[in-house]
């Protein structure tokens, strides 16, 4: 069986971490769900690069935050953000490809 990250996580969000960086945060509802997700190991640099159409080297890091039951993905973006007239002022809705990614999800 598979499920989307959006179905598994409590929420997934994105934000600008600087003019050319984007972070994607995945927060899980509880420790059991978080541990099951990290055990599946379905989210790595190659997968994130494919989802966002970027080079694997542009996926700077994927960090697991055990105390918060969360993961943070940091991407280098080829476009800037935050100045007047730029087309991508906020990281809003850039988490959608991640939310729709299907991962193996065995029944409990």
PDB file of N, CA and C in Angstrom:
ATOM      1  N   UNK A   1       0.845  -1.180   0.000  1.00  0.00           N
ATOM      2  CA  UNK A   1       0.000   0.000   0.000  1.00  0.00           C
ATOM      3  C   UNK A   1       0.892   1.247   0.000  1.00  0.00           C
ATOM      4  N   UNK A   2       0.422   2.302  -0.625  1.00  0.00           N
ATOM      5  CA  UNK A   2       1.138   3.582  -0.600  1.00  0.00           C
ATOM      6  C   UNK A   2       0.194   4.678  -0.115  1.00  0.00           C
ATOM      7  N   UNK A   3       0.779   5.734   0.395  1.00  0.00           N
ATOM      8  CA  UNK A   3       0.032   6.935   0.792  1.00  0.00           C
ATOM      9  C   UNK A   3       0.867   8.146   0.412  1.00  0.00           C
ATOM     10  N   UNK A   4       0.207   9.284   0.241  1.00  0.00           N
ATOM     11  CA  UNK A   4       0.951  10.510  -0.038  1.00  0.00           C
ATOM     12  C   UNK A   4       1.493  11.064   1.280  1.00  0.00           C
ATOM     13  N   UNK A   5       2.562  11.834   1.172  1.00  0.00           N
ATOM     14  CA  UNK A   5       3.088  12.493   2.370  1.00  0.00           C
ATOM     15  C   UNK A   5       2.016  13.405   2.964  1.00  0.00           C
ATOM     16  N   UNK A   6       1.215  14.038   2.126  1.00  0.00           N
ATOM     17  CA  UNK A   6       0.133  14.896   2.612  1.00  0.00           C
ATOM     18  C   UNK A   6      -0.885  14.142   3.450  1.00  0.00           C
ATOM     19  N   UNK A   7      -1.086  12.863   3.170  1.00  0.00           N
ATOM     20  CA  UNK A   7      -2.015  12.045   3.965  1.00  0.00           C
ATOM     21  C   UNK A   7      -1.384  11.603   5.283  1.00  0.00           C
ATOM     22  N   UNK A   8      -0.081  11.452   5.295  1.00  0.00           N
ATOM     23  CA  UNK A   8       0.622  10.937   6.470  1.00  0.00           C
ATOM     24  C   UNK A   8       0.959  12.045   7.460  1.00  0.00           C
ATOM     25  N   UNK A   9       1.424  13.168   6.949  1.00  0.00           N
ATOM     26  CA  UNK A   9       1.920  14.249   7.803  1.00  0.00           C
ATOM     27  C   UNK A   9       0.790  15.051   8.432  1.00  0.00           C
ATOM     28  N   UNK A  10       1.115  15.687   9.550  1.00  0.00           N
ATOM     29  CA  UNK A  10       0.163  16.616  10.166  1.00  0.00           C
ATOM     30  C   UNK A  10       0.043  17.848   9.283  1.00  0.00           C
ATOM     31  N   UNK A  11       1.190  18.342   8.809  1.00  0.00           N
ATOM     32  CA  UNK A  11       1.190  19.393   7.795  1.00  0.00           C
ATOM     33  C   UNK A  11       2.536  19.437   7.099  1.00  0.00           C
ATOM     34  N   UNK A  12       2.521  19.984   5.888  1.00  0.00           N
ATOM     35  CA  UNK A  12       3.727  20.209   5.092  1.00  0.00           C
ATOM     36  C   UNK A  12       3.670  21.666   4.674  1.00  0.00           C
ATOM     37  N   UNK A  13       4.764  22.380   4.849  1.00  0.00           N
ATOM     38  CA  UNK A  13       4.766  23.795   4.512  1.00  0.00           C
ATOM     39  C   UNK A  13       6.093  24.179   3.872  1.00  0.00           C
ATOM     40  N   UNK A  14       6.129  25.352   3.276  1.00  0.00           N
ATOM     41  CA  UNK A  14       7.355  25.836   2.656  1.00  0.00           C
ATOM     42  C   UNK A  14       7.553  27.299   3.005  1.00  0.00           C
ATOM     43  N   UNK A  15       8.811  27.710   2.980  1.00  0.00           N
ATOM     44  CA  UNK A  15       9.107  29.122   3.228  1.00  0.00           C
ATOM     45  C   UNK A  15      10.456  29.462   2.632  1.00  0.00           C
ATOM     46  N   UNK A  16      10.638  30.723   2.336  1.00  0.00           N
ATOM     47  CA  UNK A  16      11.925  31.188   1.842  1.00  0.00           C
ATOM     48  C   UNK A  16      12.893  31.237   3.011  1.00  0.00           C
ATOM     49  N   UNK A  17      14.067  30.665   2.819  1.00  0.00           N
ATOM     50  CA  UNK A  17      15.096  30.683   3.853  1.00  0.00           C
ATOM     51  C   UNK A  17      16.204  31.657   3.484  1.00  0.00           C
ATOM     52  N   UNK A  18      15.986  32.422   2.476  1.00  0.00           N
ATOM     53  CA  UNK A  18      16.955  33.380   1.954  1.00  0.00           C
ATOM     54  C   UNK A  18      16.591  33.623   0.507  1.00  0.00           C
ATOM     55  N   UNK A  19      17.248  34.559  -0.154  1.00  0.00           N
ATOM     56  CA  UNK A  19      16.861  34.893  -1.525  1.00  0.00           C
ATOM     57  C   UNK A  19      16.914  33.716  -2.497  1.00  0.00           C
ATOM     58  N   UNK A  20      17.807  32.765  -2.261  1.00  0.00           N
ATOM     59  CA  UNK A  20      17.949  31.648  -3.194  1.00  0.00           C
ATOM     60  C   UNK A  20      17.828  30.294  -2.504  1.00  0.00           C
ATOM     61  N   UNK A  21      17.169  30.271  -1.340  1.00  0.00           N
ATOM     62  CA  UNK A  21      16.953  29.021  -0.617  1.00  0.00           C
ATOM     63  C   UNK A  21      15.478  28.860  -0.285  1.00  0.00           C
ATOM     64  N   UNK A  22      15.033  27.621  -0.314  1.00  0.00           N
ATOM     65  CA  UNK A  22      13.656  27.283   0.052  1.00  0.00           C
ATOM     66  C   UNK A  22      13.729  26.127   1.028  1.00  0.00           C
ATOM     67  N   UNK A  23      12.961  26.205   2.110  1.00  0.00           N
ATOM     68  CA  UNK A  23      12.875  25.069   3.018  1.00  0.00           C
ATOM     69  C   UNK A  23      11.472  24.498   2.973  1.00  0.00           C
ATOM     70  N   UNK A  24      11.413  23.190   3.060  1.00  0.00           N
ATOM     71  CA  UNK A  24      10.154  22.452   3.085  1.00  0.00           C
ATOM     72  C   UNK A  24      10.122  21.703   4.410  1.00  0.00           C
ATOM     73  N   UNK A  25       9.107  21.948   5.205  1.00  0.00           N
ATOM     74  CA  UNK A  25       8.986  21.314   6.513  1.00  0.00           C
ATOM     75  C   UNK A  25       7.861  20.294   6.490  1.00  0.00           C
ATOM     76  N   UNK A  26       8.156  19.104   6.995  1.00  0.00           N
ATOM     77  CA  UNK A  26       7.162  18.042   7.111  1.00  0.00           C
ATOM     78  C   UNK A  26       7.033  17.743   8.597  1.00  0.00           C
ATOM     79  N   UNK A  27       5.844  17.943   9.148  1.00  0.00           N
ATOM     80  CA  UNK A  27       5.617  17.705  10.566  1.00  0.00           C
ATOM     81  C   UNK A  27       4.601  16.578  10.703  1.00  0.00           C
ATOM     82  N   UNK A  28       4.944  15.585  11.516  1.00  0.00           N
ATOM     83  CA  UNK A  28       4.095  14.415  11.689  1.00  0.00           C
ATOM     84  C   UNK A  28       3.260  14.538  12.957  1.00  0.00           C
ATOM     85  N   UNK A  29       2.092  13.905  12.995  1.00  0.00           N
ATOM     86  CA  UNK A  29       1.177  14.099  14.118  1.00  0.00           C
ATOM     87  C   UNK A  29       1.628  13.467  15.427  1.00  0.00           C
ATOM     88  N   UNK A  30       2.495  12.459  15.359  1.00  0.00           N
ATOM     89  CA  UNK A  30       2.919  11.779  16.581  1.00  0.00           C
ATOM     90  C   UNK A  30       4.210  11.013  16.315  1.00  0.00           C
ATOM     91  N   UNK A  31       4.807  10.519  17.392  1.00  0.00           N
ATOM     92  CA  UNK A  31       6.085   9.835  17.264  1.00  0.00           C
ATOM     93  C   UNK A  31       5.983   8.551  16.437  1.00  0.00           C
ATOM     94  N   UNK A  32       4.926   7.784  16.625  1.00  0.00           N
ATOM     95  CA  UNK A  32       4.772   6.535  15.882  1.00  0.00           C
ATOM     96  C   UNK A  32       4.758   6.783  14.371  1.00  0.00           C
ATOM     97  N   UNK A  33       3.984   7.765  13.918  1.00  0.00           N
ATOM     98  CA  UNK A  33       3.913   8.093  12.490  1.00  0.00           C
ATOM     99  C   UNK A  33       5.266   8.573  11.979  1.00  0.00           C
ATOM    100  N   UNK A  34       5.913   9.441  12.745  1.00  0.00           N
ATOM    101  CA  UNK A  34       7.247   9.938  12.381  1.00  0.00           C
ATOM    102  C   UNK A  34       8.242   8.792  12.238  1.00  0.00           C
ATOM    103  N   UNK A  35       8.269   7.902  13.215  1.00  0.00           N
ATOM    104  CA  UNK A  35       9.209   6.769  13.180  1.00  0.00           C
ATOM    105  C   UNK A  35       8.914   5.844  12.001  1.00  0.00           C
ATOM    106  N   UNK A  36       7.639   5.600  11.722  1.00  0.00           N
ATOM    107  CA  UNK A  36       7.279   4.758  10.572  1.00  0.00           C
ATOM    108  C   UNK A  36       7.748   5.409   9.275  1.00  0.00           C
ATOM    109  N   UNK A  37       7.540   6.721   9.143  1.00  0.00           N
ATOM    110  CA  UNK A  37       7.940   7.425   7.927  1.00  0.00           C
ATOM    111  C   UNK A  37       9.454   7.382   7.735  1.00  0.00           C
ATOM    112  N   UNK A  38      10.205   7.694   8.774  1.00  0.00           N
ATOM    113  CA  UNK A  38      11.663   7.701   8.630  1.00  0.00           C
ATOM    114  C   UNK A  38      12.206   6.295   8.402  1.00  0.00           C
ATOM    115  N   UNK A  39      11.538   5.298   8.926  1.00  0.00           N
ATOM    116  CA  UNK A  39      11.967   3.906   8.725  1.00  0.00           C
ATOM    117  C   UNK A  39      11.797   3.478   7.264  1.00  0.00           C
ATOM    118  N   UNK A  40      10.774   3.998   6.581  1.00  0.00           N
ATOM    119  CA  UNK A  40      10.520   3.664   5.175  1.00  0.00           C
ATOM    120  C   UNK A  40      11.649   4.185   4.277  1.00  0.00           C
ATOM    121  N   UNK A  41      12.286   5.293   4.670  1.00  0.00           N
ATOM    122  CA  UNK A  41      13.396   5.908   3.914  1.00  0.00           C
ATOM    123  C   UNK A  41      13.023   6.209   2.459  1.00  0.00           C
ATOM    124  N   UNK A  42      11.835   6.742   2.256  1.00  0.00           N
ATOM    125  CA  UNK A  42      11.360   7.038   0.903  1.00  0.00           C
ATOM    126  C   UNK A  42      11.656   8.470   0.472  1.00  0.00           C
ATOM    127  N   UNK A  43      12.330   9.232   1.331  1.00  0.00           N
ATOM    128  CA  UNK A  43      12.612  10.620   0.992  1.00  0.00           C
ATOM    129  C   UNK A  43      14.120  10.844   1.086  1.00  0.00           C
ATOM    130  N   UNK A  44      14.749  10.975  -0.074  1.00  0.00           N
ATOM    131  CA  UNK A  44      16.178  11.239  -0.119  1.00  0.00           C
ATOM    132  C   UNK A  44      16.442  12.352  -1.131  1.00  0.00           C
ATOM    133  N   UNK A  45      17.693  12.739  -1.277  1.00  0.00           N
ATOM    134  CA  UNK A  45      18.041  13.856  -2.160  1.00  0.00           C
ATOM    135  C   UNK A  45      17.623  13.598  -3.606  1.00  0.00           C
ATOM    136  N   UNK A  46      17.821  12.387  -4.094  1.00  0.00           N
ATOM    137  CA  UNK A  46      17.460  12.062  -5.479  1.00  0.00           C
ATOM    138  C   UNK A  46      15.955  12.191  -5.700  1.00  0.00           C
ATOM    139  N   UNK A  47      15.169  11.745  -4.741  1.00  0.00           N
ATOM    140  CA  UNK A  47      13.708  11.828  -4.857  1.00  0.00           C
ATOM    141  C   UNK A  47      13.246  13.281  -4.865  1.00  0.00           C
ATOM    142  N   UNK A  48      13.770  14.078  -3.940  1.00  0.00           N
ATOM    143  CA  UNK A  48      13.383  15.495  -3.872  1.00  0.00           C
ATOM    144  C   UNK A  48      13.793  16.208  -5.162  1.00  0.00           C
ATOM    145  N   UNK A  49      14.976  15.923  -5.669  1.00  0.00           N
ATOM    146  CA  UNK A  49      15.438  16.547  -6.921  1.00  0.00           C
ATOM    147  C   UNK A  49      14.492  16.209  -8.066  1.00  0.00           C
ATOM    148  N   UNK A  50      14.063  14.958  -8.143  1.00  0.00           N
ATOM    149  CA  UNK A  50      13.139  14.548  -9.206  1.00  0.00           C
ATOM    150  C   UNK A  50      11.792  15.262  -9.058  1.00  0.00           C
ATOM    151  N   UNK A  51      11.276  15.348  -7.841  1.00  0.00           N
ATOM    152  CA  UNK A  51       9.974  15.995  -7.606  1.00  0.00           C
ATOM    153  C   UNK A  51       9.983  17.466  -8.005  1.00  0.00           C
ATOM    154  N   UNK A  52      11.122  18.136  -7.805  1.00  0.00           N
ATOM    155  CA  UNK A  52      11.202  19.578  -8.058  1.00  0.00           C
ATOM    156  C   UNK A  52      11.907  19.929  -9.360  1.00  0.00           C
ATOM    157  N   UNK A  53      12.334  18.930 -10.112  1.00  0.00           N
ATOM    158  CA  UNK A  53      12.972  19.190 -11.397  1.00  0.00           C
ATOM    159  C   UNK A  53      14.278  19.959 -11.270  1.00  0.00           C
ATOM    160  N   UNK A  54      15.044  19.634 -10.228  1.00  0.00           N
ATOM    161  CA  UNK A  54      16.312  20.315 -10.000  1.00  0.00           C
ATOM    162  C   UNK A  54      17.428  19.275  -9.939  1.00  0.00           C
ATOM    163  N   UNK A  55      18.666  19.738  -9.906  1.00  0.00           N
ATOM    164  CA  UNK A  55      19.803  18.829  -9.776  1.00  0.00           C
ATOM    165  C   UNK A  55      19.891  18.333  -8.332  1.00  0.00           C
ATOM    166  N   UNK A  56      20.364  17.117  -8.179  1.00  0.00           N
ATOM    167  CA  UNK A  56      20.494  16.549  -6.836  1.00  0.00           C
ATOM    168  C   UNK A  56      21.395  17.414  -5.955  1.00  0.00           C
ATOM    169  N   UNK A  57      22.412  18.042  -6.550  1.00  0.00           N
ATOM    170  CA  UNK A  57      23.296  18.926  -5.776  1.00  0.00           C
ATOM    171  C   UNK A  57      22.569  20.150  -5.225  1.00  0.00           C
ATOM    172  N   UNK A  58      21.410  20.477  -5.797  1.00  0.00           N
ATOM    173  CA  UNK A  58      20.632  21.616  -5.313  1.00  0.00           C
ATOM    174  C   UNK A  58      19.737  21.265  -4.137  1.00  0.00           C
ATOM    175  N   UNK A  59      19.694  20.002  -3.761  1.00  0.00           N
ATOM    176  CA  UNK A  59      19.035  19.591  -2.524  1.00  0.00           C
ATOM    177  C   UNK A  59      20.140  19.621  -1.473  1.00  0.00           C
ATOM    178  N   UNK A  60      20.175  20.710  -0.716  1.00  0.00           N
ATOM    179  CA  UNK A  60      21.311  20.942   0.175  1.00  0.00           C
ATOM    180  C   UNK A  60      21.330  20.005   1.373  1.00  0.00           C
ATOM    181  N   UNK A  61      20.164  19.772   1.967  1.00  0.00           N
ATOM    182  CA  UNK A  61      20.125  18.856   3.100  1.00  0.00           C
ATOM    183  C   UNK A  61      18.703  18.424   3.416  1.00  0.00           C
ATOM    184  N   UNK A  62      18.631  17.284   4.043  1.00  0.00           N
ATOM    185  CA  UNK A  62      17.388  16.763   4.602  1.00  0.00           C
ATOM    186  C   UNK A  62      17.725  16.415   6.049  1.00  0.00           C
ATOM    187  N   UNK A  63      17.065  17.088   6.971  1.00  0.00           N
ATOM    188  CA  UNK A  63      17.361  16.923   8.393  1.00  0.00           C
ATOM    189  C   UNK A  63      16.140  16.325   9.091  1.00  0.00           C
ATOM    190  N   UNK A  64      16.375  15.340   9.921  1.00  0.00           N
ATOM    191  CA  UNK A  64      15.316  14.770  10.761  1.00  0.00           C
ATOM    192  C   UNK A  64      15.410  15.417  12.141  1.00  0.00           C
ATOM    193  N   UNK A  65      14.295  15.962  12.633  1.00  0.00           N
ATOM    194  CA  UNK A  65      14.221  16.569  13.963  1.00  0.00           C
ATOM    195  C   UNK A  65      13.412  15.647  14.857  1.00  0.00           C
ATOM    196  N   UNK A  66      14.080  14.701  15.484  1.00  0.00           N
ATOM    197  CA  UNK A  66      13.387  13.713  16.301  1.00  0.00           C
ATOM    198  C   UNK A  66      12.499  14.322  17.392  1.00  0.00           C
ATOM    199  N   UNK A  67      12.968  15.323  18.162  1.00  0.00           N
ATOM    200  CA  UNK A  67      12.125  15.839  19.248  1.00  0.00           C
ATOM    201  C   UNK A  67      10.816  16.476  18.767  1.00  0.00           C
ATOM    202  N   UNK A  68      10.811  16.980  17.532  1.00  0.00           N
ATOM    203  CA  UNK A  68       9.615  17.646  16.999  1.00  0.00           C
ATOM    204  C   UNK A  68       8.816  16.749  16.056  1.00  0.00           C
ATOM    205  N   UNK A  69       9.293  15.520  15.821  1.00  0.00           N
ATOM    206  CA  UNK A  69       8.656  14.608  14.859  1.00  0.00           C
ATOM    207  C   UNK A  69       8.519  15.299  13.498  1.00  0.00           C
ATOM    208  N   UNK A  70       9.628  15.839  13.023  1.00  0.00           N
ATOM    209  CA  UNK A  70       9.601  16.643  11.802  1.00  0.00           C
ATOM    210  C   UNK A  70      10.850  16.431  10.964  1.00  0.00           C
ATOM    211  N   UNK A  71      10.724  16.810   9.691  1.00  0.00           N
ATOM    212  CA  UNK A  71      11.853  16.806   8.763  1.00  0.00           C
ATOM    213  C   UNK A  71      11.902  18.153   8.065  1.00  0.00           C
ATOM    214  N   UNK A  72      13.123  18.593   7.735  1.00  0.00           N
ATOM    215  CA  UNK A  72      13.311  19.846   7.001  1.00  0.00           C
ATOM    216  C   UNK A  72      14.169  19.555   5.781  1.00  0.00           C
ATOM    217  N   UNK A  73      13.679  19.971   4.620  1.00  0.00           N
ATOM    218  CA  UNK A  73      14.406  19.826   3.364  1.00  0.00           C
ATOM    219  C   UNK A  73      14.797  21.226   2.913  1.00  0.00           C
ATOM    220  N   UNK A  74      16.061  21.434   2.604  1.00  0.00           N
ATOM    221  CA  UNK A  74      16.525  22.744   2.136  1.00  0.00           C
ATOM    222  C   UNK A  74      17.006  22.618   0.695  1.00  0.00           C
ATOM    223  N   UNK A  75      16.441  23.458  -0.167  1.00  0.00           N
ATOM    224  CA  UNK A  75      16.758  23.460  -1.591  1.00  0.00           C
ATOM    225  C   UNK A  75      17.430  24.767  -1.988  1.00  0.00           C
ATOM    226  N   UNK A  76      18.357  24.681  -2.927  1.00  0.00           N
ATOM    227  CA  UNK A  76      18.901  25.878  -3.565  1.00  0.00           C
ATOM    228  C   UNK A  76      18.002  26.158  -4.757  1.00  0.00           C
ATOM    229  N   UNK A  77      17.561  27.396  -4.894  1.00  0.00           N
ATOM    230  CA  UNK A  77      16.684  27.743  -6.009  1.00  0.00           C
ATOM    231  C   UNK A  77      17.418  28.609  -7.018  1.00  0.00           C
ATOM    232  N   UNK A  78      17.167  28.403  -8.299  1.00  0.00           N
ATOM    233  CA  UNK A  78      17.850  29.200  -9.323  1.00  0.00           C
ATOM    234  C   UNK A  78      17.242  30.588  -9.496  1.00  0.00           C
ATOM    235  N   UNK A  79      16.159  30.864  -8.794  1.00  0.00           N
ATOM    236  CA  UNK A  79      15.523  32.175  -8.912  1.00  0.00           C
ATOM    237  C   UNK A  79      15.489  32.830  -7.537  1.00  0.00           C
ATOM    238  N   UNK A  80      15.589  34.144  -7.536  1.00  0.00           N
ATOM    239  CA  UNK A  80      15.565  34.883  -6.286  1.00  0.00           C
ATOM    240  C   UNK A  80      14.147  35.095  -5.804  1.00  0.00           C
ATOM    241  N   UNK A  81      14.044  35.636  -4.602  1.00  0.00           N
ATOM    242  CA  UNK A  81      12.731  35.912  -4.044  1.00  0.00           C
ATOM    243  C   UNK A  81      12.834  37.010  -3.005  1.00  0.00           C
ATOM    244  N   UNK A  82      11.819  37.832  -2.964  1.00  0.00           N
ATOM    245  CA  UNK A  82      11.757  38.810  -1.895  1.00  0.00           C
ATOM    246  C   UNK A  82      11.879  40.254  -2.315  1.00  0.00           C
ATOM    247  N   UNK A  83      12.286  40.534  -3.546  1.00  0.00           N
ATOM    248  CA  UNK A  83      12.404  41.917  -3.982  1.00  0.00           C
ATOM    249  C   UNK A  83      11.192  42.297  -4.837  1.00  0.00           C
ATOM    250  N   UNK A  84      10.869  43.555  -4.857  1.00  0.00           N
ATOM    251  CA  UNK A  84       9.735  44.045  -5.641  1.00  0.00           C
ATOM    252  C   UNK A  84       9.912  43.652  -7.099  1.00  0.00           C
ATOM    253  N   UNK A  85       8.855  43.134  -7.699  1.00  0.00           N
ATOM    254  CA  UNK A  85       8.880  42.781  -9.104  1.00  0.00           C
ATOM    255  C   UNK A  85       9.301  41.354  -9.393  1.00  0.00           C
ATOM    256  N   UNK A  86       9.743  40.642  -8.408  1.00  0.00           N
ATOM    257  CA  UNK A  86      10.116  39.252  -8.639  1.00  0.00           C
ATOM    258  C   UNK A  86       8.862  38.388  -8.697  1.00  0.00           C
ATOM    259  N   UNK A  87       8.920  37.362  -9.515  1.00  0.00           N
ATOM    260  CA  UNK A  87       7.720  36.552  -9.724  1.00  0.00           C
ATOM    261  C   UNK A  87       7.429  35.617  -8.570  1.00  0.00           C
ATOM    262  N   UNK A  88       8.425  35.255  -7.796  1.00  0.00           N
ATOM    263  CA  UNK A  88       8.200  34.327  -6.693  1.00  0.00           C
ATOM    264  C   UNK A  88       8.534  35.020  -5.387  1.00  0.00           C
ATOM    265  N   UNK A  89       7.602  35.769  -4.860  1.00  0.00           N
ATOM    266  CA  UNK A  89       7.876  36.542  -3.665  1.00  0.00           C
ATOM    267  C   UNK A  89       7.859  35.664  -2.422  1.00  0.00           C
ATOM    268  N   UNK A  90       7.008  34.680  -2.376  1.00  0.00           N
ATOM    269  CA  UNK A  90       6.900  33.798  -1.223  1.00  0.00           C
ATOM    270  C   UNK A  90       7.079  32.352  -1.655  1.00  0.00           C
ATOM    271  N   UNK A  91       7.409  31.498  -0.712  1.00  0.00           N
ATOM    272  CA  UNK A  91       7.540  30.078  -0.989  1.00  0.00           C
ATOM    273  C   UNK A  91       6.199  29.376  -0.970  1.00  0.00           C
ATOM    274  N   UNK A  92       5.119  30.126  -0.934  1.00  0.00           N
ATOM    275  CA  UNK A  92       3.781  29.557  -0.793  1.00  0.00           C
ATOM    276  C   UNK A  92       3.500  28.512  -1.853  1.00  0.00           C
ATOM    277  N   UNK A  93       2.958  27.419  -1.418  1.00  0.00           N
ATOM    278  CA  UNK A  93       2.481  26.330  -2.264  1.00  0.00           C
ATOM    279  C   UNK A  93       3.585  25.585  -2.987  1.00  0.00           C
ATOM    280  N   UNK A  94       4.830  25.857  -2.671  1.00  0.00           N
ATOM    281  CA  UNK A  94       5.914  25.103  -3.288  1.00  0.00           C
ATOM    282  C   UNK A  94       6.081  23.741  -2.621  1.00  0.00           C
ATOM    283  N   UNK A  95       5.309  23.502  -1.587  1.00  0.00           N
ATOM    284  CA  UNK A  95       5.349  22.205  -0.909  1.00  0.00           C
ATOM    285  C   UNK A  95       4.447  21.173  -1.583  1.00  0.00           C
ATOM    286  N   UNK A  96       3.655  21.586  -2.561  1.00  0.00           N
ATOM    287  CA  UNK A  96       2.678  20.681  -3.179  1.00  0.00           C
ATOM    288  C   UNK A  96       3.323  19.435  -3.795  1.00  0.00           C
ATOM    289  N   UNK A  97       4.418  19.527  -4.573  1.00  0.00           N
ATOM    290  CA  UNK A  97       5.003  18.286  -5.102  1.00  0.00           C
ATOM    291  C   UNK A  97       5.379  17.299  -3.996  1.00  0.00           C
ATOM    292  N   UNK A  98       5.876  17.820  -2.896  1.00  0.00           N
ATOM    293  CA  UNK A  98       6.238  16.961  -1.781  1.00  0.00           C
ATOM    294  C   UNK A  98       4.996  16.319  -1.161  1.00  0.00           C
ATOM    295  N   UNK A  99       3.939  17.094  -0.977  1.00  0.00           N
ATOM    296  CA  UNK A  99       2.693  16.568  -0.399  1.00  0.00           C
ATOM    297  C   UNK A  99       2.103  15.449  -1.241  1.00  0.00           C
ATOM    298  N   UNK A 100       2.271  15.521  -2.541  1.00  0.00           N
ATOM    299  CA  UNK A 100       1.658  14.541  -3.437  1.00  0.00           C
ATOM    300  C   UNK A 100       2.529  13.310  -3.672  1.00  0.00           C
ATOM    301  N   UNK A 101       3.746  13.322  -3.154  1.00  0.00           N
ATOM    302  CA  UNK A 101       4.657  12.187  -3.342  1.00  0.00           C
ATOM    303  C   UNK A 101       4.135  10.970  -2.589  1.00  0.00           C
ATOM    304  N   UNK A 102       4.039   9.835  -3.275  1.00  0.00           N
ATOM    305  CA  UNK A 102       3.543   8.591  -2.677  1.00  0.00           C
ATOM    306  C   UNK A 102       4.722   7.784  -2.125  1.00  0.00           C
ATOM    307  N   UNK A 103       4.542   7.251  -0.930  1.00  0.00           N
ATOM    308  CA  UNK A 103       5.569   6.438  -0.289  1.00  0.00           C
ATOM    309  C   UNK A 103       4.956   5.111   0.147  1.00  0.00           C
ATOM    310  N   UNK A 104       5.770   4.064   0.256  1.00  0.00           N
ATOM    311  CA  UNK A 104       5.258   2.800   0.783  1.00  0.00           C
ATOM    312  C   UNK A 104       4.757   3.024   2.197  1.00  0.00           C
ATOM    313  N   UNK A 105       3.582   2.558   2.504  1.00  0.00           N
ATOM    314  CA  UNK A 105       3.030   2.772   3.836  1.00  0.00           C
ATOM    315  C   UNK A 105       2.299   1.516   4.288  1.00  0.00           C
ATOM    316  N   UNK A 106       3.013   0.626   4.971  1.00  0.00           N
ATOM    317  CA  UNK A 106       2.383  -0.613   5.418  1.00  0.00           C
ATOM    318  C   UNK A 106       1.307  -0.331   6.457  1.00  0.00           C
ATOM    319  N   UNK A 107       0.321  -1.172   6.478  1.00  0.00           N
ATOM    320  CA  UNK A 107      -0.723  -1.036   7.496  1.00  0.00           C
ATOM    321  C   UNK A 107      -0.113  -1.246   8.871  1.00  0.00           C
ATOM    322  N   UNK A 108      -0.643  -0.534   9.852  1.00  0.00           N
ATOM    323  CA  UNK A 108      -0.106  -0.612  11.233  1.00  0.00           C
ATOM    324  C   UNK A 108      -0.260  -2.004  11.799  1.00  0.00           C
TER     325      UNK A 108
END
